[in-house]
């Protein structure tokens, strides 16, 4: 490959064919960053013996089967184009748990997960029977390479945790939601 002349910094430029490829990948990267996904969810909480407990869900599917610490999440999902964020959070909660919460929805500060996804969340007081949840499902090839499509629940279980346990179970980026809820409850 013939290298083109030095660029302004004195470092040799990439060959023209690689420059085009590099530019294309850069454009894709910029587009994916600017189109970073947005999710919305609800952080349901209840008081037991005067202490708050938070509802977290564990993702279904074979990848998450043996993961626990840092794998749990608030019930949440992607927001459709032009969908109201709170409406999306309520929809996702119903899809993942088969329960429609009601009450006062208190907005929490949005967080950014490691993937770049921004999560908008609302705290809501409530309760539900975690043994009776019903989740929507997804289909994927399993086992890999088998060409067999297998259906899995999006959420395989839900539990209420005290705040300290919840902070260990939840996705690390979402700990800030629990901390904010704890602060809000302490001042109310």
C-alpha atoms as a PDB file:
ATOM      1  CA  UNK A   1       0.000   0.000   0.000  1.00  0.00           C
ATOM      2  CA  UNK A   2       1.265   3.417  -0.870  1.00  0.00           C
ATOM      3  CA  UNK A   3       1.123   5.877   2.024  1.00  0.00           C
ATOM      4  CA  UNK A   4       0.146   9.433   1.279  1.00  0.00           C
ATOM      5  CA  UNK A   5       2.214  12.380   2.458  1.00  0.00           C
ATOM      6  CA  UNK A   6       2.427  13.553   6.053  1.00  0.00           C
ATOM      7  CA  UNK A   7      -0.518  15.343   7.617  1.00  0.00           C
ATOM      8  CA  UNK A   8      -0.155  18.641   9.497  1.00  0.00           C
ATOM      9  CA  UNK A   9       1.063  16.895  12.623  1.00  0.00           C
ATOM     10  CA  UNK A  10       3.909  15.286  10.676  1.00  0.00           C
ATOM     11  CA  UNK A  11       2.463  11.785  11.080  1.00  0.00           C
ATOM     12  CA  UNK A  12       1.893   9.795   7.890  1.00  0.00           C
ATOM     13  CA  UNK A  13      -1.664   9.622   6.706  1.00  0.00           C
ATOM     14  CA  UNK A  14      -3.586   6.422   6.192  1.00  0.00           C
ATOM     15  CA  UNK A  15      -3.792   5.073   2.645  1.00  0.00           C
ATOM     16  CA  UNK A  16      -6.781   6.540   0.788  1.00  0.00           C
ATOM     17  CA  UNK A  17      -8.769   3.268   0.936  1.00  0.00           C
ATOM     18  CA  UNK A  18      -8.300   3.044   4.715  1.00  0.00           C
ATOM     19  CA  UNK A  19      -9.150   6.736   5.111  1.00  0.00           C
ATOM     20  CA  UNK A  20     -12.519   6.077   3.475  1.00  0.00           C
ATOM     21  CA  UNK A  21     -13.143   3.034   5.667  1.00  0.00           C
ATOM     22  CA  UNK A  22     -12.075   4.941   8.768  1.00  0.00           C
ATOM     23  CA  UNK A  23     -14.338   7.845   7.848  1.00  0.00           C
ATOM     24  CA  UNK A  24     -17.264   5.477   7.332  1.00  0.00           C
ATOM     25  CA  UNK A  25     -16.726   3.839  10.743  1.00  0.00           C
ATOM     26  CA  UNK A  26     -16.372   7.270  12.355  1.00  0.00           C
ATOM     27  CA  UNK A  27     -19.673   8.353  10.831  1.00  0.00           C
ATOM     28  CA  UNK A  28     -21.360   5.191  12.142  1.00  0.00           C
ATOM     29  CA  UNK A  29     -19.874   5.751  15.603  1.00  0.00           C
ATOM     30  CA  UNK A  30     -20.987   9.388  15.687  1.00  0.00           C
ATOM     31  CA  UNK A  31     -24.473   8.397  14.525  1.00  0.00           C
ATOM     32  CA  UNK A  32     -24.785   5.683  17.183  1.00  0.00           C
ATOM     33  CA  UNK A  33     -23.576   8.066  19.889  1.00  0.00           C
ATOM     34  CA  UNK A  34     -25.955  10.811  18.835  1.00  0.00           C
ATOM     35  CA  UNK A  35     -28.789   8.279  18.663  1.00  0.00           C
ATOM     36  CA  UNK A  36     -28.003   6.772  22.073  1.00  0.00           C
ATOM     37  CA  UNK A  37     -30.963   4.859  23.357  1.00  0.00           C
ATOM     38  CA  UNK A  38     -33.309   6.260  25.939  1.00  0.00           C
ATOM     39  CA  UNK A  39     -35.147   4.115  28.469  1.00  0.00           C
ATOM     40  CA  UNK A  40     -37.812   4.941  30.999  1.00  0.00           C
ATOM     41  CA  UNK A  41     -38.765   3.037  34.118  1.00  0.00           C
ATOM     42  CA  UNK A  42     -40.441   3.057  37.497  1.00  0.00           C
ATOM     43  CA  UNK A  43     -38.795   2.570  40.865  1.00  0.00           C
ATOM     44  CA  UNK A  44     -41.577   1.145  43.008  1.00  0.00           C
ATOM     45  CA  UNK A  45     -41.005   1.247  46.748  1.00  0.00           C
ATOM     46  CA  UNK A  46     -42.861   0.284  49.894  1.00  0.00           C
ATOM     47  CA  UNK A  47     -42.275   0.721  53.602  1.00  0.00           C
ATOM     48  CA  UNK A  48     -41.938  -2.350  55.845  1.00  0.00           C
ATOM     49  CA  UNK A  49     -41.529  -1.710  59.573  1.00  0.00           C
ATOM     50  CA  UNK A  50     -40.742   1.907  58.687  1.00  0.00           C
ATOM     51  CA  UNK A  51     -37.897   0.977  56.317  1.00  0.00           C
ATOM     52  CA  UNK A  52     -38.035   1.378  52.536  1.00  0.00           C
ATOM     53  CA  UNK A  53     -37.861  -1.581  50.181  1.00  0.00           C
ATOM     54  CA  UNK A  54     -37.416  -1.260  46.413  1.00  0.00           C
ATOM     55  CA  UNK A  55     -38.785  -3.464  43.655  1.00  0.00           C
ATOM     56  CA  UNK A  56     -36.117  -4.762  41.281  1.00  0.00           C
ATOM     57  CA  UNK A  57     -36.372  -7.175  38.363  1.00  0.00           C
ATOM     58  CA  UNK A  58     -33.939  -9.808  37.143  1.00  0.00           C
ATOM     59  CA  UNK A  59     -33.560 -10.125  33.353  1.00  0.00           C
ATOM     60  CA  UNK A  60     -34.596 -13.392  31.771  1.00  0.00           C
ATOM     61  CA  UNK A  61     -32.719 -15.472  29.252  1.00  0.00           C
ATOM     62  CA  UNK A  62     -29.665 -17.700  29.330  1.00  0.00           C
ATOM     63  CA  UNK A  63     -27.079 -14.900  29.547  1.00  0.00           C
ATOM     64  CA  UNK A  64     -28.454 -13.680  32.905  1.00  0.00           C
ATOM     65  CA  UNK A  65     -29.362 -17.078  34.390  1.00  0.00           C
ATOM     66  CA  UNK A  66     -26.401 -17.299  36.800  1.00  0.00           C
ATOM     67  CA  UNK A  67     -25.780 -13.562  37.288  1.00  0.00           C
ATOM     68  CA  UNK A  68     -26.982 -11.813  40.433  1.00  0.00           C
ATOM     69  CA  UNK A  69     -24.916  -8.974  41.932  1.00  0.00           C
ATOM     70  CA  UNK A  70     -25.165  -5.960  39.621  1.00  0.00           C
ATOM     71  CA  UNK A  71     -27.574  -7.742  37.258  1.00  0.00           C
ATOM     72  CA  UNK A  72     -30.915  -6.512  38.643  1.00  0.00           C
ATOM     73  CA  UNK A  73     -32.658  -3.380  37.393  1.00  0.00           C
ATOM     74  CA  UNK A  74     -35.672  -1.193  37.867  1.00  0.00           C
ATOM     75  CA  UNK A  75     -38.459  -2.251  35.476  1.00  0.00           C
ATOM     76  CA  UNK A  76     -37.661  -0.182  32.379  1.00  0.00           C
ATOM     77  CA  UNK A  77     -37.453  -0.258  28.629  1.00  0.00           C
ATOM     78  CA  UNK A  78     -36.818   1.700  25.492  1.00  0.00           C
ATOM     79  CA  UNK A  79     -38.896   4.730  24.659  1.00  0.00           C
ATOM     80  CA  UNK A  80     -40.588   4.739  21.255  1.00  0.00           C
ATOM     81  CA  UNK A  81     -40.200   7.762  18.965  1.00  0.00           C
ATOM     82  CA  UNK A  82     -42.398  10.632  20.177  1.00  0.00           C
ATOM     83  CA  UNK A  83     -43.577   8.601  23.211  1.00  0.00           C
ATOM     84  CA  UNK A  84     -44.051  10.420  26.509  1.00  0.00           C
ATOM     85  CA  UNK A  85     -41.335   9.283  28.942  1.00  0.00           C
ATOM     86  CA  UNK A  86     -43.670   8.613  31.891  1.00  0.00           C
ATOM     87  CA  UNK A  87     -46.144   6.795  29.631  1.00  0.00           C
ATOM     88  CA  UNK A  88     -43.251   4.624  28.376  1.00  0.00           C
ATOM     89  CA  UNK A  89     -42.181   3.868  31.960  1.00  0.00           C
ATOM     90  CA  UNK A  90     -45.728   2.817  32.890  1.00  0.00           C
ATOM     91  CA  UNK A  91     -46.052   0.700  29.735  1.00  0.00           C
ATOM     92  CA  UNK A  92     -42.759  -1.079  30.379  1.00  0.00           C
ATOM     93  CA  UNK A  93     -43.702  -1.767  34.010  1.00  0.00           C
ATOM     94  CA  UNK A  94     -46.969  -3.367  32.862  1.00  0.00           C
ATOM     95  CA  UNK A  95     -45.233  -5.382  30.116  1.00  0.00           C
ATOM     96  CA  UNK A  96     -42.515  -6.704  32.417  1.00  0.00           C
ATOM     97  CA  UNK A  97     -44.650  -7.403  35.500  1.00  0.00           C
ATOM     98  CA  UNK A  98     -48.271  -7.658  34.388  1.00  0.00           C
ATOM     99  CA  UNK A  99     -49.208  -4.919  36.873  1.00  0.00           C
ATOM    100  CA  UNK A 100     -50.257  -1.326  36.300  1.00  0.00           C
ATOM    101  CA  UNK A 101     -49.083   0.921  39.127  1.00  0.00           C
ATOM    102  CA  UNK A 102     -50.943   4.026  40.187  1.00  0.00           C
ATOM    103  CA  UNK A 103     -50.184   6.873  42.548  1.00  0.00           C
ATOM    104  CA  UNK A 104     -47.904   9.869  42.527  1.00  0.00           C
ATOM    105  CA  UNK A 105     -44.964   9.481  40.167  1.00  0.00           C
ATOM    106  CA  UNK A 106     -41.962  11.457  41.445  1.00  0.00           C
ATOM    107  CA  UNK A 107     -39.343  12.180  38.768  1.00  0.00           C
ATOM    108  CA  UNK A 108     -35.781  11.171  39.616  1.00  0.00           C
ATOM    109  CA  UNK A 109     -32.587  12.509  38.055  1.00  0.00           C
ATOM    110  CA  UNK A 110     -31.845  10.633  34.793  1.00  0.00           C
ATOM    111  CA  UNK A 111     -28.776   8.383  34.844  1.00  0.00           C
ATOM    112  CA  UNK A 112     -26.442   7.220  32.071  1.00  0.00           C
ATOM    113  CA  UNK A 113     -25.518   3.546  31.977  1.00  0.00           C
ATOM    114  CA  UNK A 114     -22.137   2.215  30.876  1.00  0.00           C
ATOM    115  CA  UNK A 115     -23.588   1.487  27.418  1.00  0.00           C
ATOM    116  CA  UNK A 116     -24.462   5.171  27.007  1.00  0.00           C
ATOM    117  CA  UNK A 117     -28.177   4.543  27.435  1.00  0.00           C
ATOM    118  CA  UNK A 118     -29.955   7.303  29.378  1.00  0.00           C
ATOM    119  CA  UNK A 119     -32.542   6.056  31.867  1.00  0.00           C
ATOM    120  CA  UNK A 120     -35.369   8.338  33.019  1.00  0.00           C
ATOM    121  CA  UNK A 121     -37.082   7.074  36.164  1.00  0.00           C
ATOM    122  CA  UNK A 122     -39.928   7.903  38.509  1.00  0.00           C
ATOM    123  CA  UNK A 123     -40.379   6.738  42.087  1.00  0.00           C
ATOM    124  CA  UNK A 124     -43.841   5.493  43.030  1.00  0.00           C
ATOM    125  CA  UNK A 125     -45.110   4.001  46.283  1.00  0.00           C
ATOM    126  CA  UNK A 126     -46.824   0.676  45.749  1.00  0.00           C
ATOM    127  CA  UNK A 127     -46.890  -3.029  46.350  1.00  0.00           C
ATOM    128  CA  UNK A 128     -47.446  -6.174  44.343  1.00  0.00           C
ATOM    129  CA  UNK A 129     -47.186  -9.925  44.716  1.00  0.00           C
ATOM    130  CA  UNK A 130     -43.800 -10.717  43.170  1.00  0.00           C
ATOM    131  CA  UNK A 131     -44.705 -14.413  42.912  1.00  0.00           C
ATOM    132  CA  UNK A 132     -47.577 -13.532  40.564  1.00  0.00           C
ATOM    133  CA  UNK A 133     -45.718 -11.464  37.950  1.00  0.00           C
ATOM    134  CA  UNK A 134     -46.256 -12.141  34.256  1.00  0.00           C
ATOM    135  CA  UNK A 135     -43.654 -10.874  31.816  1.00  0.00           C
ATOM    136  CA  UNK A 136     -43.604 -10.375  28.085  1.00  0.00           C
ATOM    137  CA  UNK A 137     -41.167 -12.619  26.215  1.00  0.00           C
ATOM    138  CA  UNK A 138     -38.460 -12.493  23.571  1.00  0.00           C
ATOM    139  CA  UNK A 139     -37.172 -15.113  21.162  1.00  0.00           C
ATOM    140  CA  UNK A 140     -33.566 -15.932  20.357  1.00  0.00           C
ATOM    141  CA  UNK A 141     -31.538 -18.752  18.895  1.00  0.00           C
ATOM    142  CA  UNK A 142     -30.730 -21.124  21.749  1.00  0.00           C
ATOM    143  CA  UNK A 143     -28.475 -22.933  22.097  1.00  0.00           C
ATOM    144  CA  UNK A 144     -26.196 -20.866  19.875  1.00  0.00           C
ATOM    145  CA  UNK A 145     -25.700 -22.401  16.442  1.00  0.00           C
ATOM    146  CA  UNK A 146     -28.708 -24.719  16.843  1.00  0.00           C
ATOM    147  CA  UNK A 147     -30.964 -22.691  14.520  1.00  0.00           C
ATOM    148  CA  UNK A 148     -33.670 -23.368  17.119  1.00  0.00           C
ATOM    149  CA  UNK A 149     -35.649 -20.334  18.295  1.00  0.00           C
ATOM    150  CA  UNK A 150     -36.421 -20.422  22.027  1.00  0.00           C
ATOM    151  CA  UNK A 151     -38.722 -18.080  23.924  1.00  0.00           C
ATOM    152  CA  UNK A 152     -37.634 -16.505  27.237  1.00  0.00           C
ATOM    153  CA  UNK A 153     -39.358 -14.113  29.637  1.00  0.00           C
ATOM    154  CA  UNK A 154     -37.948 -10.582  29.545  1.00  0.00           C
ATOM    155  CA  UNK A 155     -38.033 -10.660  33.360  1.00  0.00           C
ATOM    156  CA  UNK A 156     -37.644 -14.001  35.136  1.00  0.00           C
ATOM    157  CA  UNK A 157     -38.253 -12.729  38.679  1.00  0.00           C
ATOM    158  CA  UNK A 158     -38.953  -9.655  40.743  1.00  0.00           C
ATOM    159  CA  UNK A 159     -38.237  -8.986  44.402  1.00  0.00           C
ATOM    160  CA  UNK A 160     -38.433  -6.222  46.969  1.00  0.00           C
ATOM    161  CA  UNK A 161     -35.080  -5.495  48.606  1.00  0.00           C
ATOM    162  CA  UNK A 162     -34.058  -3.213  51.443  1.00  0.00           C
ATOM    163  CA  UNK A 163     -31.980  -0.302  50.140  1.00  0.00           C
ATOM    164  CA  UNK A 164     -28.582  -1.682  51.137  1.00  0.00           C
ATOM    165  CA  UNK A 165     -29.216  -5.055  49.488  1.00  0.00           C
ATOM    166  CA  UNK A 166     -30.760  -3.314  46.483  1.00  0.00           C
ATOM    167  CA  UNK A 167     -27.616  -1.230  45.998  1.00  0.00           C
ATOM    168  CA  UNK A 168     -25.611  -4.464  45.680  1.00  0.00           C
ATOM    169  CA  UNK A 169     -28.079  -6.225  43.381  1.00  0.00           C
ATOM    170  CA  UNK A 170     -28.856  -3.381  40.947  1.00  0.00           C
ATOM    171  CA  UNK A 171     -26.903  -2.400  37.838  1.00  0.00           C
ATOM    172  CA  UNK A 172     -24.130  -0.131  39.235  1.00  0.00           C
ATOM    173  CA  UNK A 173     -25.234   2.896  37.187  1.00  0.00           C
ATOM    174  CA  UNK A 174     -28.728   2.632  38.679  1.00  0.00           C
ATOM    175  CA  UNK A 175     -27.496   2.824  42.303  1.00  0.00           C
ATOM    176  CA  UNK A 176     -27.872   6.619  41.989  1.00  0.00           C
ATOM    177  CA  UNK A 177     -31.649   6.126  41.656  1.00  0.00           C
ATOM    178  CA  UNK A 178     -31.773   4.267  44.987  1.00  0.00           C
ATOM    179  CA  UNK A 179     -29.600   6.903  46.658  1.00  0.00           C
ATOM    180  CA  UNK A 180     -31.892   9.668  45.407  1.00  0.00           C
ATOM    181  CA  UNK A 181     -34.988   7.793  46.598  1.00  0.00           C
ATOM    182  CA  UNK A 182     -33.368   7.282  50.002  1.00  0.00           C
ATOM    183  CA  UNK A 183     -32.674  11.023  50.232  1.00  0.00           C
ATOM    184  CA  UNK A 184     -36.227  11.921  49.163  1.00  0.00           C
ATOM    185  CA  UNK A 185     -37.770   9.590  51.730  1.00  0.00           C
ATOM    186  CA  UNK A 186     -35.516  10.920  54.495  1.00  0.00           C
ATOM    187  CA  UNK A 187     -36.671  14.496  53.855  1.00  0.00           C
ATOM    188  CA  UNK A 188     -40.398  13.713  53.540  1.00  0.00           C
END
